[in-house]
Amino acid sequence: KPHPDVATTYNNIGSVYDSMGKYPEALAEYKKALKMRLAVYGTEKPHPDLANIYNNINSLHRRMGKYSEALAECKTSQN
């Protein structure tokens, strides 16, 4: 069952991989966190926990030089 604390753990693992420069692994963990938080909070109204993960994914894409993907994450987080 999806739980916000488990999503936080995925996000934290993603952050560790990100710090290690293991960007594909970080992205996979961030995506797990995002999927779980979307399951918990839904898509009807914005939630700060979703914005946090979108920001992490955005930052990761920028470090990888994937600027169009970074911009897309920014726009998604605004919705």
Protein backbone atom coordinates (compact mmCIF):
# COMPACT_ATOMS: atom_id res chain seq x y z
CA LYS A 1 0.00 0.00 0.00
CA PRO A 2 1.44 3.43 -0.92
CA HIS A 3 2.61 5.48 2.05
CA PRO A 4 4.24 8.94 2.10
CA ASP A 5 7.03 7.75 4.40
CA VAL A 6 8.04 5.05 1.93
CA ALA A 7 8.03 7.67 -0.81
CA THR A 8 10.33 9.80 1.35
CA THR A 9 12.71 6.86 1.63
CA TYR A 10 12.80 6.47 -2.17
CA ASN A 11 13.43 10.18 -2.49
CA ASN A 12 16.28 10.02 0.04
CA ILE A 13 17.86 7.07 -1.75
CA GLY A 14 17.61 9.07 -4.97
CA SER A 15 19.39 11.97 -3.29
CA VAL A 16 22.25 9.72 -2.20
CA TYR A 17 22.66 8.32 -5.70
CA ASP A 18 22.49 11.88 -7.03
CA SER A 19 25.29 12.97 -4.69
CA MET A 20 27.37 9.99 -5.84
CA GLY A 21 26.92 11.02 -9.48
CA LYS A 22 24.88 7.89 -10.23
CA TYR A 23 22.24 9.80 -12.13
CA PRO A 24 20.29 6.95 -13.76
CA GLU A 25 19.90 5.25 -10.37
CA ALA A 26 18.89 8.54 -8.77
CA LEU A 27 16.27 9.16 -11.44
CA ALA A 28 14.82 5.67 -10.96
CA GLU A 29 14.44 6.26 -7.20
CA TYR A 30 12.95 9.72 -7.70
CA LYS A 31 10.44 8.26 -10.16
CA LYS A 32 9.46 5.58 -7.60
CA ALA A 33 8.94 8.31 -5.01
CA LEU A 34 6.88 10.37 -7.44
CA LYS A 35 4.71 7.43 -8.44
CA MET A 36 4.02 6.57 -4.81
CA ARG A 37 3.24 10.13 -3.80
CA LEU A 38 0.89 10.52 -6.74
CA ALA A 39 -0.86 7.37 -5.54
CA VAL A 40 -1.15 8.84 -2.05
CA TYR A 41 -2.06 12.45 -2.85
CA GLY A 42 -3.62 12.12 -6.30
CA THR A 43 -3.44 14.65 -9.08
CA GLU A 44 -6.50 16.75 -8.27
CA LYS A 45 -4.67 19.45 -6.33
CA PRO A 46 -0.98 20.30 -5.86
CA HIS A 47 0.84 18.99 -2.80
CA PRO A 48 4.19 20.31 -1.53
CA ASP A 49 5.63 16.79 -1.35
CA LEU A 50 5.05 16.38 -5.08
CA ALA A 51 6.74 19.70 -5.83
CA ASN A 52 9.79 18.57 -3.85
CA ILE A 53 10.23 15.45 -5.97
CA TYR A 54 9.62 17.32 -9.22
CA ASN A 55 12.31 19.78 -8.11
CA ASN A 56 14.76 16.94 -7.43
CA ILE A 57 14.09 15.44 -10.86
CA ASN A 58 14.44 18.88 -12.45
CA SER A 59 17.79 19.49 -10.75
CA LEU A 60 19.03 16.06 -11.77
CA HIS A 61 18.12 16.65 -15.42
CA ARG A 62 19.96 20.00 -15.35
CA ARG A 63 23.11 18.35 -13.96
CA MET A 64 22.87 15.76 -16.73
CA GLY A 65 22.58 18.54 -19.33
CA LYS A 66 19.00 17.50 -20.23
CA TYR A 67 17.56 20.98 -20.20
CA SER A 68 14.33 20.27 -22.08
CA GLU A 69 13.47 17.52 -19.59
CA ALA A 70 14.32 19.87 -16.71
CA LEU A 71 12.00 22.51 -18.11
CA ALA A 72 9.22 19.96 -18.54
CA GLU A 73 9.52 18.94 -14.87
CA CYS A 74 9.28 22.59 -13.84
CA LYS A 75 6.11 23.04 -15.84
CA THR A 76 4.63 19.81 -14.47
CA SER A 77 5.29 20.89 -10.89
CA GLN A 78 3.34 24.10 -11.47
CA ASN A 79 0.14 22.23 -12.30
